[in-house]
Amino acid sequence: MEPTVLQPIADVRRHADPLSAGALCTRILMIVRPETPLVEAARCMRREHVGCVVAVEKKGHGEVPVGLLTDRDIVVSVVAAGIDPGELTVGDVMTREVTVVDEDDSLGAALAAMRQHGIRRVPVGSREGWLVGLLSVDDVVAALTLQTQALTETLVAGRQREGETHP
């Protein structure tokens, strides 16, 4: 399987919590199979400008995450160790103990899982366990920045209203 860039899920459901893992995660990501040659995955990561791919296996009508491969994994485990990357597959280097959060999990629950496992990215799964996205610290920072901006605008509007009401 050549590494695949997923298309956005067409029927992305609205989440009751706009700060849920499913609402915040990136839903366009690169997936690979564990047997994908490592060099091929690395070339695709470079071409697509991504630092992480999700290794998946087919389960029913979807794909389930079985590993994560980051650019750091390649550098630390292969390049710095002097190992020939041409002899390896994604499965040889990927992190196999994958923590997955549910798309309905709150931001707090997702961050707690990330903190507990010392990870910056976590696959997001559907109720069936199928991969639906990837939540990264970058996604969280972007969402919190927007929330902070909205809060700031609320404070400014309150001051303006106060000034207009009580000149």
Foldseek 3Di string as FASTA:
>chain_A
DQKDWDDADPCQDDAPDCQFQLNLFDQTFIEAAQQAQPVRVVVVCVVVVHFKYFHWDDDPPATAGQWMDGPVLCCVVDVVVPHDSRVHGNNVRTDRPADEAERNHGNVVVVVVCVVVVHFKHFYAYPVRHTRGMDGVVSVVVVVVVVVVVVVVVVVVVVVVVVVVPD
